[in-house]
Amino acid sequence: MALSPGARSCFNALLFPGVFLRVFMLKPNPNILRLGIPKGNLQESTVDLFEKAGWKITVNDRSYFPAIDDAAIEVVMFRAQEISRYVEDGVVDVGLTGQDWIQENGSDVHEVLEMVYSKATSRPARWVLCVPNESAVTRPEQLEGGVVATELVGFTRKYFEKKGITVRVEFSWGATEVKARLLDAIVDVTETGSSIKANNLRIIDTLLTSTPRLIANKKVWAQEAAKREQIENIALMLQGAINAREKVGLKLNAPKASLEAIVKLLPAEKSPTVSALADGTWVAVEVIVEEQTERELIPKLKRAGATGIISYPLNKVIP
């Protein structure tokens, strides 16, 4: 049975009284944007991303209310599983959470930005159906009448219902991999698959691929122009920080006679900035390239006549 926003808030207040006492004591302020960020696995990478985007968030382990160096923003931390509900209910104006939890909660929110970042890699998270390596099961249909453990209960039930497979889906509070040998199968989340392999499990299907999303309360997005502009600004800067993660800047000097050969070595889609130097026979070249290509590109540039090559990290790349 679906809970109304008010009933849901009361239920959550029983589970997290400290957080909710503070949240509901905060008076609505049209000049303050309330931002929800995930506590737990994504916490460190989210704080790091915001710092690269231009906002320094300072987390106190004993508080759910981190400090931020922007007087117009207030930050609240929740579990990623809960954030879409609180954005929908207006407890926070904007938040970051996974597409998986938006779908699991059935939250009616405005999606501002899809982001590719995670706790360990830049890969999307995958919710996968797993069985022990020694299991005879190779297809979901073979789990008919079985028991499956997962944290993503609602979505998993819909998955089996669509396939016409009758199973009992049980909620798992954690250490889900261990339960694969106590029950018939599990549905768990993975980025690299390393924990699945480490626990001698085998993936037989992928239910959902999920990336983090910046989401906004629909009423705030539609009716509060100042807050919408703040949210759009945050989205722009976050995307710029994500774009910069796998890129580096290159600066170099080159004799004009070698410029054509050097430019041909640069990625075809990149148009370098070329500036004249005091010595009219030389130019300065600056370009942004993928970090993975840098180690092969720099020696080639050097052989082509480039000198004074400088490689530097980037905080933001905004098209």
C-alpha atoms as a PDB file:
ATOM      1  CA  MET A   1       0.000   0.000   0.000  1.00  0.00           C
ATOM      2  CA  ALA A   2       1.402   3.411  -0.969  1.00  0.00           C
ATOM      3  CA  LEU A   3       1.839   5.908   1.841  1.00  0.00           C
ATOM      4  CA  SER A   4       0.796   9.534   1.537  1.00  0.00           C
ATOM      5  CA  PRO A   5       3.645  12.044   1.850  1.00  0.00           C
ATOM      6  CA  GLY A   6       2.534  12.917   5.369  1.00  0.00           C
ATOM      7  CA  ALA A   7       2.268   9.293   6.491  1.00  0.00           C
ATOM      8  CA  ARG A   8       5.593   8.478   4.869  1.00  0.00           C
ATOM      9  CA  SER A   9       7.261  11.372   6.671  1.00  0.00           C
ATOM     10  CA  CYS A  10       5.867  10.194  10.005  1.00  0.00           C
ATOM     11  CA  PHE A  11       7.102   6.662   9.337  1.00  0.00           C
ATOM     12  CA  ASN A  12      10.557   7.909   8.453  1.00  0.00           C
ATOM     13  CA  ALA A  13      10.599  10.119  11.529  1.00  0.00           C
ATOM     14  CA  LEU A  14      10.245   6.991  13.659  1.00  0.00           C
ATOM     15  CA  LEU A  15      13.212   5.399  11.895  1.00  0.00           C
ATOM     16  CA  PHE A  16      15.433   8.492  11.864  1.00  0.00           C
ATOM     17  CA  PRO A  17      14.217  10.781  14.671  1.00  0.00           C
ATOM     18  CA  GLY A  18      17.411  12.845  14.910  1.00  0.00           C
ATOM     19  CA  VAL A  19      17.439  13.712  11.236  1.00  0.00           C
ATOM     20  CA  PHE A  20      13.738  14.487  10.990  1.00  0.00           C
ATOM     21  CA  LEU A  21      13.544  16.530  14.167  1.00  0.00           C
ATOM     22  CA  ARG A  22      16.121  18.897  12.680  1.00  0.00           C
ATOM     23  CA  VAL A  23      14.679  18.867   9.151  1.00  0.00           C
ATOM     24  CA  PHE A  24      11.154  19.729  10.220  1.00  0.00           C
ATOM     25  CA  MET A  25      12.368  22.382  12.653  1.00  0.00           C
ATOM     26  CA  LEU A  26      13.946  24.216   9.701  1.00  0.00           C
ATOM     27  CA  LYS A  27      11.627  26.919   8.459  1.00  0.00           C
ATOM     28  CA  PRO A  28      11.051  27.106   4.695  1.00  0.00           C
ATOM     29  CA  ASN A  29      13.209  29.833   3.245  1.00  0.00           C
ATOM     30  CA  PRO A  30      12.803  30.927  -0.382  1.00  0.00           C
ATOM     31  CA  ASN A  31      16.373  32.220  -0.319  1.00  0.00           C
ATOM     32  CA  ILE A  32      17.927  28.932   0.796  1.00  0.00           C
ATOM     33  CA  LEU A  33      18.227  25.905  -1.498  1.00  0.00           C
ATOM     34  CA  ARG A  34      18.049  22.691   0.490  1.00  0.00           C
ATOM     35  CA  LEU A  35      20.275  20.002  -1.081  1.00  0.00           C
ATOM     36  CA  GLY A  36      20.169  16.299  -0.226  1.00  0.00           C
ATOM     37  CA  ILE A  37      23.347  14.288  -0.753  1.00  0.00           C
ATOM     38  CA  PRO A  38      23.859  10.539  -0.198  1.00  0.00           C
ATOM     39  CA  LYS A  39      25.420   9.259   2.997  1.00  0.00           C
ATOM     40  CA  GLY A  40      27.400   6.021   2.730  1.00  0.00           C
ATOM     41  CA  ASN A  41      28.974   4.552  -0.387  1.00  0.00           C
ATOM     42  CA  LEU A  42      28.592   7.647  -2.569  1.00  0.00           C
ATOM     43  CA  GLN A  43      29.343  10.184   0.169  1.00  0.00           C
ATOM     44  CA  GLU A  44      33.067  10.640  -0.430  1.00  0.00           C
ATOM     45  CA  SER A  45      32.845  10.744  -4.223  1.00  0.00           C
ATOM     46  CA  THR A  46      29.910  13.189  -4.051  1.00  0.00           C
ATOM     47  CA  VAL A  47      31.781  15.572  -1.736  1.00  0.00           C
ATOM     48  CA  ASP A  48      34.841  15.313  -4.005  1.00  0.00           C
ATOM     49  CA  LEU A  49      32.734  16.053  -7.088  1.00  0.00           C
ATOM     50  CA  PHE A  50      31.187  19.130  -5.474  1.00  0.00           C
ATOM     51  CA  GLU A  51      34.633  20.390  -4.508  1.00  0.00           C
ATOM     52  CA  LYS A  52      35.815  20.121  -8.111  1.00  0.00           C
ATOM     53  CA  ALA A  53      32.604  21.876  -9.174  1.00  0.00           C
ATOM     54  CA  GLY A  54      33.364  24.781  -6.823  1.00  0.00           C
ATOM     55  CA  TRP A  55      31.596  23.989  -3.531  1.00  0.00           C
ATOM     56  CA  LYS A  56      33.449  22.810  -0.448  1.00  0.00           C
ATOM     57  CA  ILE A  57      31.299  20.521   1.713  1.00  0.00           C
ATOM     58  CA  THR A  58      32.653  19.672   5.157  1.00  0.00           C
ATOM     59  CA  VAL A  59      31.201  16.526   6.715  1.00  0.00           C
ATOM     60  CA  ASN A  60      31.059  15.937  10.450  1.00  0.00           C
ATOM     61  CA  ASP A  61      30.715  12.198  11.129  1.00  0.00           C
ATOM     62  CA  ARG A  62      28.310  12.926  13.978  1.00  0.00           C
ATOM     63  CA  SER A  63      25.997  15.178  11.977  1.00  0.00           C
ATOM     64  CA  TYR A  64      23.643  14.741   9.048  1.00  0.00           C
ATOM     65  CA  PHE A  65      24.006  18.448   8.233  1.00  0.00           C
ATOM     66  CA  PRO A  66      27.374  19.139   6.565  1.00  0.00           C
ATOM     67  CA  ALA A  67      28.703  22.656   6.242  1.00  0.00           C
ATOM     68  CA  ILE A  68      29.014  24.207   2.786  1.00  0.00           C
ATOM     69  CA  ASP A  69      30.829  27.366   1.728  1.00  0.00           C
ATOM     70  CA  ASP A  70      27.712  28.864   0.127  1.00  0.00           C
ATOM     71  CA  ALA A  71      25.281  30.794   2.310  1.00  0.00           C
ATOM     72  CA  ALA A  72      22.473  30.218  -0.207  1.00  0.00           C
ATOM     73  CA  ILE A  73      22.627  26.398   0.113  1.00  0.00           C
ATOM     74  CA  GLU A  74      21.885  24.091   3.021  1.00  0.00           C
ATOM     75  CA  VAL A  75      23.014  20.450   2.834  1.00  0.00           C
ATOM     76  CA  VAL A  76      21.303  17.437   4.403  1.00  0.00           C
ATOM     77  CA  MET A  77      22.591  13.851   4.185  1.00  0.00           C
ATOM     78  CA  PHE A  78      20.289  10.859   3.763  1.00  0.00           C
ATOM     79  CA  ARG A  79      20.753   7.317   2.572  1.00  0.00           C
ATOM     80  CA  ALA A  80      20.656   7.242  -1.234  1.00  0.00           C
ATOM     81  CA  GLN A  81      17.655   4.915  -0.968  1.00  0.00           C
ATOM     82  CA  GLU A  82      15.581   7.690   0.640  1.00  0.00           C
ATOM     83  CA  ILE A  83      16.555  10.845  -1.210  1.00  0.00           C
ATOM     84  CA  SER A  84      14.075  10.637  -4.090  1.00  0.00           C
ATOM     85  CA  ARG A  85      11.203  10.390  -1.587  1.00  0.00           C
ATOM     86  CA  TYR A  86      12.334  13.482   0.272  1.00  0.00           C
ATOM     87  CA  VAL A  87      12.765  15.431  -2.951  1.00  0.00           C
ATOM     88  CA  GLU A  88       9.259  14.431  -4.034  1.00  0.00           C
ATOM     89  CA  ASP A  89       7.809  15.393  -0.637  1.00  0.00           C
ATOM     90  CA  GLY A  90       9.615  18.748  -0.578  1.00  0.00           C
ATOM     91  CA  VAL A  91      11.766  17.972   2.457  1.00  0.00           C
ATOM     92  CA  VAL A  92      14.695  18.990   0.225  1.00  0.00           C
ATOM     93  CA  ASP A  93      14.510  20.991  -2.997  1.00  0.00           C
ATOM     94  CA  VAL A  94      17.120  19.047  -4.933  1.00  0.00           C
ATOM     95  CA  GLY A  95      19.114  15.866  -4.377  1.00  0.00           C
ATOM     96  CA  LEU A  96      21.509  13.307  -5.783  1.00  0.00           C
ATOM     97  CA  THR A  97      20.564   9.649  -5.911  1.00  0.00           C
ATOM     98  CA  GLY A  98      20.623   6.687  -8.255  1.00  0.00           C
ATOM     99  CA  GLN A  99      18.105   6.020 -10.985  1.00  0.00           C
ATOM    100  CA  ASP A 100      17.604   2.638  -9.312  1.00  0.00           C
ATOM    101  CA  TRP A 101      16.159   4.190  -6.151  1.00  0.00           C
ATOM    102  CA  ILE A 102      13.990   6.636  -8.100  1.00  0.00           C
ATOM    103  CA  GLN A 103      12.423   3.645  -9.837  1.00  0.00           C
ATOM    104  CA  GLU A 104      12.247   1.550  -6.689  1.00  0.00           C
ATOM    105  CA  ASN A 105      10.427   4.316  -4.815  1.00  0.00           C
ATOM    106  CA  GLY A 106       8.262   5.307  -7.772  1.00  0.00           C
ATOM    107  CA  SER A 107       9.178   8.933  -7.050  1.00  0.00           C
ATOM    108  CA  ASP A 108       7.572  11.689  -9.108  1.00  0.00           C
ATOM    109  CA  VAL A 109      10.484  14.123  -9.465  1.00  0.00           C
ATOM    110  CA  HIS A 110      12.071  16.266 -12.156  1.00  0.00           C
ATOM    111  CA  GLU A 111      15.299  14.784 -13.485  1.00  0.00           C
ATOM    112  CA  VAL A 112      17.795  17.608 -14.024  1.00  0.00           C
ATOM    113  CA  LEU A 113      20.968  15.756 -14.937  1.00  0.00           C
ATOM    114  CA  GLU A 114      22.265  12.234 -15.464  1.00  0.00           C
ATOM    115  CA  MET A 115      25.768  11.844 -14.079  1.00  0.00           C
ATOM    116  CA  VAL A 116      28.388   9.158 -14.506  1.00  0.00           C
ATOM    117  CA  TYR A 117      30.299   8.882 -11.265  1.00  0.00           C
ATOM    118  CA  SER A 118      30.364   6.301  -8.489  1.00  0.00           C
ATOM    119  CA  LYS A 119      32.227   5.218  -5.380  1.00  0.00           C
ATOM    120  CA  ALA A 120      34.946   3.321  -7.260  1.00  0.00           C
ATOM    121  CA  THR A 121      34.801   3.844 -11.025  1.00  0.00           C
ATOM    122  CA  SER A 122      33.062   5.801 -13.760  1.00  0.00           C
ATOM    123  CA  ARG A 123      30.981   2.778 -14.679  1.00  0.00           C
ATOM    124  CA  PRO A 124      27.218   2.635 -14.127  1.00  0.00           C
ATOM    125  CA  ALA A 125      26.008   0.438 -11.289  1.00  0.00           C
ATOM    126  CA  ARG A 126      24.304  -2.817 -12.300  1.00  0.00           C
ATOM    127  CA  TRP A 127      21.683  -4.736 -10.363  1.00  0.00           C
ATOM    128  CA  VAL A 128      22.344  -8.366 -11.206  1.00  0.00           C
ATOM    129  CA  LEU A 129      20.656 -11.685 -10.508  1.00  0.00           C
ATOM    130  CA  CYS A 130      23.219 -14.077  -9.052  1.00  0.00           C
ATOM    131  CA  VAL A 131      23.469 -17.712  -7.973  1.00  0.00           C
ATOM    132  CA  PRO A 132      26.397 -19.648  -6.481  1.00  0.00           C
ATOM    133  CA  ASN A 133      28.920 -20.987  -8.980  1.00  0.00           C
ATOM    134  CA  GLU A 134      27.961 -24.535  -7.992  1.00  0.00           C
ATOM    135  CA  SER A 135      24.238 -23.930  -8.642  1.00  0.00           C
ATOM    136  CA  ALA A 136      22.585 -25.725 -11.555  1.00  0.00           C
ATOM    137  CA  VAL A 137      20.534 -22.597 -12.300  1.00  0.00           C
ATOM    138  CA  THR A 138      21.521 -20.844 -15.542  1.00  0.00           C
ATOM    139  CA  ARG A 139      18.272 -18.996 -16.385  1.00  0.00           C
ATOM    140  CA  PRO A 140      15.824 -16.929 -14.294  1.00  0.00           C
ATOM    141  CA  GLU A 141      12.999 -19.320 -15.227  1.00  0.00           C
ATOM    142  CA  GLN A 142      14.696 -22.056 -13.220  1.00  0.00           C
ATOM    143  CA  LEU A 143      14.072 -20.063 -10.022  1.00  0.00           C
ATOM    144  CA  GLU A 144      10.310 -20.742 -10.219  1.00  0.00           C
ATOM    145  CA  GLY A 145       8.981 -21.268  -6.681  1.00  0.00           C
ATOM    146  CA  GLY A 146      12.255 -20.105  -5.109  1.00  0.00           C
ATOM    147  CA  VAL A 147      13.302 -17.332  -2.747  1.00  0.00           C
ATOM    148  CA  VAL A 148      15.364 -14.320  -3.817  1.00  0.00           C
ATOM    149  CA  ALA A 149      16.975 -11.808  -1.429  1.00  0.00           C
ATOM    150  CA  THR A 150      17.622  -8.185  -2.364  1.00  0.00           C
ATOM    151  CA  GLU A 151      17.453  -4.602  -1.154  1.00  0.00           C
ATOM    152  CA  LEU A 152      15.714  -3.606  -4.391  1.00  0.00           C
ATOM    153  CA  VAL A 153      12.511  -5.455  -3.543  1.00  0.00           C
ATOM    154  CA  GLY A 154       9.877  -3.622  -5.592  1.00  0.00           C
ATOM    155  CA  PHE A 155      11.828  -3.538  -8.842  1.00  0.00           C
ATOM    156  CA  THR A 156      12.871  -7.178  -8.436  1.00  0.00           C
ATOM    157  CA  ARG A 157       9.265  -8.270  -7.925  1.00  0.00           C
ATOM    158  CA  LYS A 158       8.235  -6.420 -11.104  1.00  0.00           C
ATOM    159  CA  TYR A 159      11.107  -8.061 -13.004  1.00  0.00           C
ATOM    160  CA  PHE A 160       9.914 -11.574 -12.135  1.00  0.00           C
ATOM    161  CA  GLU A 161       6.252 -10.672 -12.668  1.00  0.00           C
ATOM    162  CA  LYS A 162       7.004  -9.443 -16.198  1.00  0.00           C
ATOM    163  CA  LYS A 163       8.694 -12.750 -16.924  1.00  0.00           C
ATOM    164  CA  GLY A 164       5.792 -14.727 -15.451  1.00  0.00           C
ATOM    165  CA  ILE A 165       8.046 -16.337 -12.837  1.00  0.00           C
ATOM    166  CA  THR A 166       6.668 -16.934  -9.356  1.00  0.00           C
ATOM    167  CA  VAL A 167       9.261 -16.322  -6.643  1.00  0.00           C
ATOM    168  CA  ARG A 168       9.257 -14.926  -3.124  1.00  0.00           C
ATOM    169  CA  VAL A 169      11.337 -11.752  -2.938  1.00  0.00           C
ATOM    170  CA  GLU A 170      12.685 -10.986   0.523  1.00  0.00           C
ATOM    171  CA  PHE A 171      14.286  -7.774   1.729  1.00  0.00           C
ATOM    172  CA  SER A 172      17.978  -7.994   2.568  1.00  0.00           C
ATOM    173  CA  TRP A 173      19.449  -5.645   5.150  1.00  0.00           C
ATOM    174  CA  GLY A 174      22.988  -6.127   3.856  1.00  0.00           C
ATOM    175  CA  ALA A 175      25.656  -8.793   3.269  1.00  0.00           C
ATOM    176  CA  THR A 176      23.407  -9.974   0.460  1.00  0.00           C
ATOM    177  CA  GLU A 177      26.153 -12.059  -1.170  1.00  0.00           C
ATOM    178  CA  VAL A 178      26.184 -14.418   1.835  1.00  0.00           C
ATOM    179  CA  LYS A 179      22.485 -15.210   1.373  1.00  0.00           C
ATOM    180  CA  ALA A 180      22.991 -16.635  -2.108  1.00  0.00           C
ATOM    181  CA  ARG A 181      23.883 -19.963  -0.509  1.00  0.00           C
ATOM    182  CA  LEU A 182      21.093 -19.825   2.068  1.00  0.00           C
ATOM    183  CA  LEU A 183      18.328 -19.042  -0.417  1.00  0.00           C
ATOM    184  CA  ASP A 184      17.954 -19.692  -4.151  1.00  0.00           C
ATOM    185  CA  ALA A 185      19.395 -16.472  -5.577  1.00  0.00           C
ATOM    186  CA  ILE A 186      20.132 -12.819  -4.851  1.00  0.00           C
ATOM    187  CA  VAL A 187      19.811  -9.531  -6.681  1.00  0.00           C
ATOM    188  CA  ASP A 188      22.701  -7.268  -5.751  1.00  0.00           C
ATOM    189  CA  VAL A 189      24.393  -4.133  -7.050  1.00  0.00           C
ATOM    190  CA  THR A 190      27.876  -4.117  -8.550  1.00  0.00           C
ATOM    191  CA  GLU A 191      30.152  -1.778 -10.488  1.00  0.00           C
ATOM    192  CA  THR A 192      33.096  -3.982 -11.391  1.00  0.00           C
ATOM    193  CA  GLY A 193      31.780  -7.454 -10.533  1.00  0.00           C
ATOM    194  CA  SER A 194      34.728  -8.040  -8.188  1.00  0.00           C
ATOM    195  CA  SER A 195      32.615  -8.714  -5.079  1.00  0.00           C
ATOM    196  CA  ILE A 196      30.461 -11.124  -7.079  1.00  0.00           C
ATOM    197  CA  LYS A 197      33.538 -13.092  -8.155  1.00  0.00           C
ATOM    198  CA  ALA A 198      35.091 -12.897  -4.688  1.00  0.00           C
ATOM    199  CA  ASN A 199      32.029 -14.593  -3.222  1.00  0.00           C
ATOM    200  CA  ASN A 200      32.044 -17.317  -5.909  1.00  0.00           C
ATOM    201  CA  LEU A 201      28.790 -16.154  -7.437  1.00  0.00           C
ATOM    202  CA  ARG A 202      27.670 -16.200 -11.052  1.00  0.00           C
ATOM    203  CA  ILE A 203      25.549 -13.565 -12.821  1.00  0.00           C
ATOM    204  CA  ILE A 204      22.641 -15.003 -14.787  1.00  0.00           C
ATOM    205  CA  ASP A 205      20.899 -11.751 -15.723  1.00  0.00           C
ATOM    206  CA  THR A 206      21.071  -7.960 -15.358  1.00  0.00           C
ATOM    207  CA  LEU A 207      17.883  -6.333 -14.100  1.00  0.00           C
ATOM    208  CA  LEU A 208      18.851  -2.677 -14.214  1.00  0.00           C
ATOM    209  CA  THR A 209      21.744  -0.390 -15.119  1.00  0.00           C
ATOM    210  CA  SER A 210      21.761   2.744 -12.993  1.00  0.00           C
ATOM    211  CA  THR A 211      23.622   6.058 -12.899  1.00  0.00           C
ATOM    212  CA  PRO A 212      23.355   8.890 -10.355  1.00  0.00           C
ATOM    213  CA  ARG A 213      20.840  11.628 -11.108  1.00  0.00           C
ATOM    214  CA  LEU A 214      20.427  15.192  -9.939  1.00  0.00           C
ATOM    215  CA  ILE A 215      16.708  15.498  -9.254  1.00  0.00           C
ATOM    216  CA  ALA A 216      14.489  18.393  -8.213  1.00  0.00           C
ATOM    217  CA  ASN A 217      11.118  18.780  -6.558  1.00  0.00           C
ATOM    218  CA  LYS A 218       8.606  19.339  -9.363  1.00  0.00           C
ATOM    219  CA  LYS A 219       6.898  22.289  -7.670  1.00  0.00           C
ATOM    220  CA  VAL A 220      10.208  24.015  -6.977  1.00  0.00           C
ATOM    221  CA  TRP A 221      11.361  23.458 -10.567  1.00  0.00           C
ATOM    222  CA  ALA A 222       8.122  24.774 -12.065  1.00  0.00           C
ATOM    223  CA  GLN A 223       7.246  27.614  -9.710  1.00  0.00           C
ATOM    224  CA  GLU A 224      10.379  28.947  -7.973  1.00  0.00           C
ATOM    225  CA  ALA A 225      12.499  30.669 -10.597  1.00  0.00           C
ATOM    226  CA  ALA A 226      15.344  31.660  -8.273  1.00  0.00           C
ATOM    227  CA  LYS A 227      15.810  28.129  -6.934  1.00  0.00           C
ATOM    228  CA  ARG A 228      15.518  26.669 -10.424  1.00  0.00           C
ATOM    229  CA  GLU A 229      18.360  28.929 -11.557  1.00  0.00           C
ATOM    230  CA  GLN A 230      20.446  27.765  -8.579  1.00  0.00           C
ATOM    231  CA  ILE A 231      19.774  24.139  -9.487  1.00  0.00           C
ATOM    232  CA  GLU A 232      20.668  24.757 -13.137  1.00  0.00           C
ATOM    233  CA  ASN A 233      23.912  26.409 -12.018  1.00  0.00           C
ATOM    234  CA  ILE A 234      24.783  23.415  -9.840  1.00  0.00           C
ATOM    235  CA  ALA A 235      24.001  21.028 -12.709  1.00  0.00           C
ATOM    236  CA  LEU A 236      26.228  22.996 -15.100  1.00  0.00           C
ATOM    237  CA  MET A 237      29.179  22.992 -12.710  1.00  0.00           C
ATOM    238  CA  LEU A 238      28.778  19.332 -11.736  1.00  0.00           C
ATOM    239  CA  GLN A 239      28.684  18.278 -15.377  1.00  0.00           C
ATOM    240  CA  GLY A 240      31.783  20.379 -16.006  1.00  0.00           C
ATOM    241  CA  ALA A 241      33.589  18.602 -13.162  1.00  0.00           C
ATOM    242  CA  ILE A 242      32.559  15.194 -14.517  1.00  0.00           C
ATOM    243  CA  ASN A 243      33.691  16.143 -18.040  1.00  0.00           C
ATOM    244  CA  ALA A 244      37.111  17.068 -16.653  1.00  0.00           C
ATOM    245  CA  ARG A 245      37.740  13.836 -14.783  1.00  0.00           C
ATOM    246  CA  GLU A 246      39.348  11.926 -17.638  1.00  0.00           C
ATOM    247  CA  LYS A 247      40.930  14.874 -19.449  1.00  0.00           C
ATOM    248  CA  VAL A 248      44.123  16.879 -19.103  1.00  0.00           C
ATOM    249  CA  GLY A 249      45.334  20.142 -20.538  1.00  0.00           C
ATOM    250  CA  LEU A 250      48.503  20.344 -22.625  1.00  0.00           C
ATOM    251  CA  LYS A 251      50.604  23.433 -23.256  1.00  0.00           C
ATOM    252  CA  LEU A 252      53.636  23.463 -25.519  1.00  0.00           C
ATOM    253  CA  ASN A 253      55.833  25.673 -27.641  1.00  0.00           C
ATOM    254  CA  ALA A 254      56.521  24.886 -31.268  1.00  0.00           C
ATOM    255  CA  PRO A 255      58.476  26.380 -34.145  1.00  0.00           C
ATOM    256  CA  LYS A 256      56.112  27.641 -36.836  1.00  0.00           C
ATOM    257  CA  ALA A 257      57.803  25.311 -39.286  1.00  0.00           C
ATOM    258  CA  SER A 258      56.647  22.307 -37.225  1.00  0.00           C
ATOM    259  CA  LEU A 259      53.145  23.569 -36.365  1.00  0.00           C
ATOM    260  CA  GLU A 260      51.298  21.727 -39.133  1.00  0.00           C
ATOM    261  CA  ALA A 261      52.889  18.383 -38.202  1.00  0.00           C
ATOM    262  CA  ILE A 262      52.161  18.931 -34.491  1.00  0.00           C
ATOM    263  CA  VAL A 263      48.519  19.885 -35.058  1.00  0.00           C
ATOM    264  CA  LYS A 264      48.015  16.714 -37.128  1.00  0.00           C
ATOM    265  CA  LEU A 265      49.022  14.638 -34.094  1.00  0.00           C
ATOM    266  CA  LEU A 266      46.309  16.169 -31.922  1.00  0.00           C
ATOM    267  CA  PRO A 267      42.850  14.512 -31.732  1.00  0.00           C
ATOM    268  CA  ALA A 268      40.930  15.333 -34.888  1.00  0.00           C
ATOM    269  CA  GLU A 269      37.915  16.766 -33.052  1.00  0.00           C
ATOM    270  CA  LYS A 270      40.059  19.166 -30.989  1.00  0.00           C
ATOM    271  CA  SER A 271      40.880  22.628 -32.290  1.00  0.00           C
ATOM    272  CA  PRO A 272      43.947  23.847 -30.408  1.00  0.00           C
ATOM    273  CA  THR A 273      44.539  27.413 -29.300  1.00  0.00           C
ATOM    274  CA  VAL A 274      47.586  28.778 -31.096  1.00  0.00           C
ATOM    275  CA  SER A 275      49.200  32.023 -29.908  1.00  0.00           C
ATOM    276  CA  ALA A 276      52.161  33.949 -31.274  1.00  0.00           C
ATOM    277  CA  LEU A 277      55.269  34.279 -29.077  1.00  0.00           C
ATOM    278  CA  ALA A 278      57.682  37.195 -28.809  1.00  0.00           C
ATOM    279  CA  ASP A 279      60.004  35.291 -31.108  1.00  0.00           C
ATOM    280  CA  GLY A 280      58.002  35.465 -34.310  1.00  0.00           C
ATOM    281  CA  THR A 281      59.260  32.070 -35.474  1.00  0.00           C
ATOM    282  CA  TRP A 282      57.603  30.273 -32.530  1.00  0.00           C
ATOM    283  CA  VAL A 283      54.025  29.755 -31.315  1.00  0.00           C
ATOM    284  CA  ALA A 284      52.363  28.474 -28.116  1.00  0.00           C
ATOM    285  CA  VAL A 285      49.813  25.679 -28.458  1.00  0.00           C
ATOM    286  CA  GLU A 286      47.190  24.694 -25.888  1.00  0.00           C
ATOM    287  CA  VAL A 287      44.681  21.838 -26.123  1.00  0.00           C
ATOM    288  CA  ILE A 288      42.552  19.499 -23.980  1.00  0.00           C
ATOM    289  CA  VAL A 289      42.986  15.758 -24.567  1.00  0.00           C
ATOM    290  CA  GLU A 290      41.830  12.493 -23.017  1.00  0.00           C
ATOM    291  CA  GLU A 291      44.136  11.482 -20.174  1.00  0.00           C
ATOM    292  CA  GLN A 292      44.598   7.965 -21.578  1.00  0.00           C
ATOM    293  CA  THR A 293      46.036   9.330 -24.835  1.00  0.00           C
ATOM    294  CA  GLU A 294      48.498  11.665 -23.106  1.00  0.00           C
ATOM    295  CA  ARG A 295      51.206   9.048 -22.510  1.00  0.00           C
ATOM    296  CA  GLU A 296      51.359   8.181 -26.215  1.00  0.00           C
ATOM    297  CA  LEU A 297      50.789  11.706 -27.502  1.00  0.00           C
ATOM    298  CA  ILE A 298      53.527  13.596 -25.624  1.00  0.00           C
ATOM    299  CA  PRO A 299      56.476  11.571 -27.021  1.00  0.00           C
ATOM    300  CA  LYS A 300      55.098  12.035 -30.537  1.00  0.00           C
ATOM    301  CA  LEU A 301      54.752  15.788 -29.999  1.00  0.00           C
ATOM    302  CA  LYS A 302      58.320  15.963 -28.697  1.00  0.00           C
ATOM    303  CA  ARG A 303      59.652  14.145 -31.762  1.00  0.00           C
ATOM    304  CA  ALA A 304      57.663  16.487 -34.018  1.00  0.00           C
ATOM    305  CA  GLY A 305      59.478  19.495 -32.576  1.00  0.00           C
ATOM    306  CA  ALA A 306      57.402  20.567 -29.550  1.00  0.00           C
ATOM    307  CA  THR A 307      59.265  21.919 -26.505  1.00  0.00           C
ATOM    308  CA  GLY A 308      58.308  23.126 -23.028  1.00  0.00           C
ATOM    309  CA  ILE A 309      55.441  20.622 -22.856  1.00  0.00           C
ATOM    310  CA  ILE A 310      53.289  21.070 -19.745  1.00  0.00           C
ATOM    311  CA  SER A 311      50.532  18.677 -18.693  1.00  0.00           C
ATOM    312  CA  TYR A 312      48.038  19.826 -16.057  1.00  0.00           C
ATOM    313  CA  PRO A 313      44.845  18.472 -14.434  1.00  0.00           C
ATOM    314  CA  LEU A 314      41.470  20.100 -15.007  1.00  0.00           C
ATOM    315  CA  ASN A 315      38.712  20.895 -12.514  1.00  0.00           C
ATOM    316  CA  LYS A 316      35.931  21.639 -14.988  1.00  0.00           C
ATOM    317  CA  VAL A 317      35.341  21.373 -18.731  1.00  0.00           C
ATOM    318  CA  ILE A 318      32.190  23.192 -19.801  1.00  0.00           C
ATOM    319  CA  PRO A 319      31.312  23.048 -23.524  1.00  0.00           C
END
